[in-house]
Amino acid sequence: HRVAGRQRQMGIRASYNTVLNCWAKSHSRQAPEQAEALLREMQDRFETTGDYDLQPDVVSYSVVIHTYARQGNIAKAESMLEELHEEYLQGNESARPNVRSLILTQISEPTRPH
């Protein structure tokens, strides 16, 4: 039963990350704020339940970083990158920055409204 429960919870994080990815691909001007709000919801649920499978991971943060950078808010993208690093330093092993998370603010170009 424990394995099935763990798979279910991992599915929750994957579901959150899928929705975050949808916001990242959205052309909505509110996409970065909506993605960050979803990340904050994940954090709140983790803090409330203590369930590590609800804790945002490097994918969660990387998507939010990309969403801000894509719309030209490099300062906020860098701030989120710093937060990712702090999460890792505070013991969130799943938030270990990787090459993708580190270069997103450098390669993301703002999109222009249609």
C-alpha atoms as a PDB file:
ATOM      1  CA  HIS A   1       0.000   0.000   0.000  1.00  0.00           C
ATOM      2  CA  ARG A   2       2.852   2.378   0.716  1.00  0.00           C
ATOM      3  CA  VAL A   3       4.151   2.156  -2.854  1.00  0.00           C
ATOM      4  CA  ALA A   4       0.729   2.905  -4.303  1.00  0.00           C
ATOM      5  CA  GLY A   5       0.351   5.931  -2.022  1.00  0.00           C
ATOM      6  CA  ARG A   6       3.794   7.203  -2.936  1.00  0.00           C
ATOM      7  CA  GLN A   7       3.036   6.844  -6.645  1.00  0.00           C
ATOM      8  CA  ARG A   8      -0.198   8.750  -6.146  1.00  0.00           C
ATOM      9  CA  GLN A   9       1.613  11.616  -4.414  1.00  0.00           C
ATOM     10  CA  MET A  10       4.339  11.726  -7.057  1.00  0.00           C
ATOM     11  CA  GLY A  11       1.506  12.050  -9.534  1.00  0.00           C
ATOM     12  CA  ILE A  12       0.321  15.144  -7.677  1.00  0.00           C
ATOM     13  CA  ARG A  13       3.711  16.850  -8.093  1.00  0.00           C
ATOM     14  CA  ALA A  14       3.802  15.796 -11.737  1.00  0.00           C
ATOM     15  CA  SER A  15       0.309  17.232 -12.161  1.00  0.00           C
ATOM     16  CA  TYR A  16       1.355  20.543 -10.640  1.00  0.00           C
ATOM     17  CA  ASN A  17       4.415  20.640 -12.881  1.00  0.00           C
ATOM     18  CA  THR A  18       2.258  19.909 -15.919  1.00  0.00           C
ATOM     19  CA  VAL A  19      -0.025  22.838 -15.115  1.00  0.00           C
ATOM     20  CA  LEU A  20       3.032  25.042 -14.481  1.00  0.00           C
ATOM     21  CA  ASN A  21       4.310  24.024 -17.907  1.00  0.00           C
ATOM     22  CA  CYS A  22       0.982  25.019 -19.450  1.00  0.00           C
ATOM     23  CA  TRP A  23       1.324  28.480 -17.920  1.00  0.00           C
ATOM     24  CA  ALA A  24       4.880  28.699 -19.246  1.00  0.00           C
ATOM     25  CA  LYS A  25       3.647  27.985 -22.773  1.00  0.00           C
ATOM     26  CA  SER A  26       0.722  30.360 -22.432  1.00  0.00           C
ATOM     27  CA  HIS A  27       0.763  33.736 -24.130  1.00  0.00           C
ATOM     28  CA  SER A  28      -1.129  35.241 -21.207  1.00  0.00           C
ATOM     29  CA  ARG A  29       0.437  38.315 -19.638  1.00  0.00           C
ATOM     30  CA  GLN A  30      -0.554  36.857 -16.252  1.00  0.00           C
ATOM     31  CA  ALA A  31       1.285  33.588 -16.889  1.00  0.00           C
ATOM     32  CA  PRO A  32       4.308  34.333 -14.672  1.00  0.00           C
ATOM     33  CA  GLU A  33       2.184  35.440 -11.735  1.00  0.00           C
ATOM     34  CA  GLN A  34      -0.195  32.497 -12.156  1.00  0.00           C
ATOM     35  CA  ALA A  35       2.734  30.064 -12.323  1.00  0.00           C
ATOM     36  CA  GLU A  36       4.288  31.567  -9.209  1.00  0.00           C
ATOM     37  CA  ALA A  37       0.932  31.420  -7.399  1.00  0.00           C
ATOM     38  CA  LEU A  38       0.743  27.711  -8.204  1.00  0.00           C
ATOM     39  CA  LEU A  39       4.298  27.221  -6.914  1.00  0.00           C
ATOM     40  CA  ARG A  40       3.284  29.016  -3.697  1.00  0.00           C
ATOM     41  CA  GLU A  41       0.263  26.720  -3.410  1.00  0.00           C
ATOM     42  CA  MET A  42       2.596  23.734  -3.616  1.00  0.00           C
ATOM     43  CA  GLN A  43       4.767  25.256  -0.876  1.00  0.00           C
ATOM     44  CA  ASP A  44       1.749  25.928   1.324  1.00  0.00           C
ATOM     45  CA  ARG A  45       0.440  22.385   0.896  1.00  0.00           C
ATOM     46  CA  PHE A  46       3.873  20.987   1.737  1.00  0.00           C
ATOM     47  CA  GLU A  47       4.153  23.166   4.845  1.00  0.00           C
ATOM     48  CA  THR A  48       0.634  22.183   5.931  1.00  0.00           C
ATOM     49  CA  THR A  49       0.952  18.447   5.337  1.00  0.00           C
ATOM     50  CA  GLY A  50       4.699  17.846   5.674  1.00  0.00           C
ATOM     51  CA  ASP A  51       4.415  15.590   2.637  1.00  0.00           C
ATOM     52  CA  TYR A  52       7.686  15.896   0.739  1.00  0.00           C
ATOM     53  CA  ASP A  53       6.021  14.743  -2.463  1.00  0.00           C
ATOM     54  CA  LEU A  54       4.157  18.062  -2.503  1.00  0.00           C
ATOM     55  CA  GLN A  55       7.347  20.085  -2.112  1.00  0.00           C
ATOM     56  CA  PRO A  56       8.296  22.042  -5.254  1.00  0.00           C
ATOM     57  CA  ASP A  57      11.306  20.592  -7.050  1.00  0.00           C
ATOM     58  CA  VAL A  58      13.852  21.897  -9.531  1.00  0.00           C
ATOM     59  CA  VAL A  59      11.349  21.351 -12.362  1.00  0.00           C
ATOM     60  CA  SER A  60       8.711  23.449 -10.596  1.00  0.00           C
ATOM     61  CA  TYR A  61      11.133  26.310 -10.033  1.00  0.00           C
ATOM     62  CA  SER A  62      12.716  26.050 -13.491  1.00  0.00           C
ATOM     63  CA  VAL A  63       9.347  26.404 -15.189  1.00  0.00           C
ATOM     64  CA  VAL A  64       8.495  29.502 -13.139  1.00  0.00           C
ATOM     65  CA  ILE A  65      11.965  30.953 -13.831  1.00  0.00           C
ATOM     66  CA  HIS A  66      11.483  30.358 -17.549  1.00  0.00           C
ATOM     67  CA  THR A  67       8.006  31.913 -17.491  1.00  0.00           C
ATOM     68  CA  TYR A  68       9.295  35.149 -15.956  1.00  0.00           C
ATOM     69  CA  ALA A  69      12.356  35.268 -18.214  1.00  0.00           C
ATOM     70  CA  ARG A  70      10.283  34.595 -21.323  1.00  0.00           C
ATOM     71  CA  GLN A  71       8.220  37.698 -20.621  1.00  0.00           C
ATOM     72  CA  GLY A  72      11.320  39.786 -20.020  1.00  0.00           C
ATOM     73  CA  ASN A  73      11.239  39.961 -16.220  1.00  0.00           C
ATOM     74  CA  ILE A  74      14.834  38.865 -15.754  1.00  0.00           C
ATOM     75  CA  ALA A  75      15.058  40.375 -12.257  1.00  0.00           C
ATOM     76  CA  LYS A  76      12.170  38.201 -11.042  1.00  0.00           C
ATOM     77  CA  ALA A  77      13.604  35.158 -12.856  1.00  0.00           C
ATOM     78  CA  GLU A  78      16.907  35.700 -11.059  1.00  0.00           C
ATOM     79  CA  SER A  79      15.076  36.151  -7.759  1.00  0.00           C
ATOM     80  CA  MET A  80      13.318  32.817  -8.280  1.00  0.00           C
ATOM     81  CA  LEU A  81      16.674  31.216  -9.125  1.00  0.00           C
ATOM     82  CA  GLU A  82      18.062  32.528  -5.827  1.00  0.00           C
ATOM     83  CA  GLU A  83      15.019  31.100  -4.032  1.00  0.00           C
ATOM     84  CA  LEU A  84      15.607  27.728  -5.703  1.00  0.00           C
ATOM     85  CA  HIS A  85      19.205  27.766  -4.470  1.00  0.00           C
ATOM     86  CA  GLU A  86      18.092  28.699  -0.948  1.00  0.00           C
ATOM     87  CA  GLU A  87      15.555  25.862  -0.940  1.00  0.00           C
ATOM     88  CA  TYR A  88      18.332  23.451  -1.815  1.00  0.00           C
ATOM     89  CA  LEU A  89      20.661  24.861   0.851  1.00  0.00           C
ATOM     90  CA  GLN A  90      17.874  24.474   3.427  1.00  0.00           C
ATOM     91  CA  GLY A  91      17.633  20.763   2.695  1.00  0.00           C
ATOM     92  CA  ASN A  92      15.230  20.405  -0.210  1.00  0.00           C
ATOM     93  CA  GLU A  93      17.257  17.835  -2.161  1.00  0.00           C
ATOM     94  CA  SER A  94      14.732  17.861  -5.011  1.00  0.00           C
ATOM     95  CA  ALA A  95      15.452  21.576  -5.554  1.00  0.00           C
ATOM     96  CA  ARG A  96      19.090  21.050  -6.468  1.00  0.00           C
ATOM     97  CA  PRO A  97      19.821  23.589  -9.226  1.00  0.00           C
ATOM     98  CA  ASN A  98      20.887  22.052 -12.502  1.00  0.00           C
ATOM     99  CA  VAL A  99      22.328  23.407 -15.720  1.00  0.00           C
ATOM    100  CA  ARG A 100      18.877  24.091 -17.151  1.00  0.00           C
ATOM    101  CA  SER A 101      17.760  26.117 -14.147  1.00  0.00           C
ATOM    102  CA  LEU A 102      20.996  28.093 -14.126  1.00  0.00           C
ATOM    103  CA  ILE A 103      20.897  29.147 -17.778  1.00  0.00           C
ATOM    104  CA  LEU A 104      17.187  29.846 -18.204  1.00  0.00           C
ATOM    105  CA  THR A 105      17.545  33.514 -17.322  1.00  0.00           C
ATOM    106  CA  GLN A 106      20.333  33.859 -19.877  1.00  0.00           C
ATOM    107  CA  ILE A 107      18.713  32.229 -22.900  1.00  0.00           C
ATOM    108  CA  SER A 108      15.043  33.110 -22.506  1.00  0.00           C
ATOM    109  CA  GLU A 109      13.959  35.909 -24.770  1.00  0.00           C
ATOM    110  CA  PRO A 110      10.839  37.920 -24.106  1.00  0.00           C
ATOM    111  CA  THR A 111       7.921  37.111 -26.362  1.00  0.00           C
ATOM    112  CA  ARG A 112       6.145  39.882 -28.144  1.00  0.00           C
ATOM    113  CA  PRO A 113       2.351  40.166 -27.975  1.00  0.00           C
ATOM    114  CA  HIS A 114       0.577  39.148 -31.174  1.00  0.00           C
END
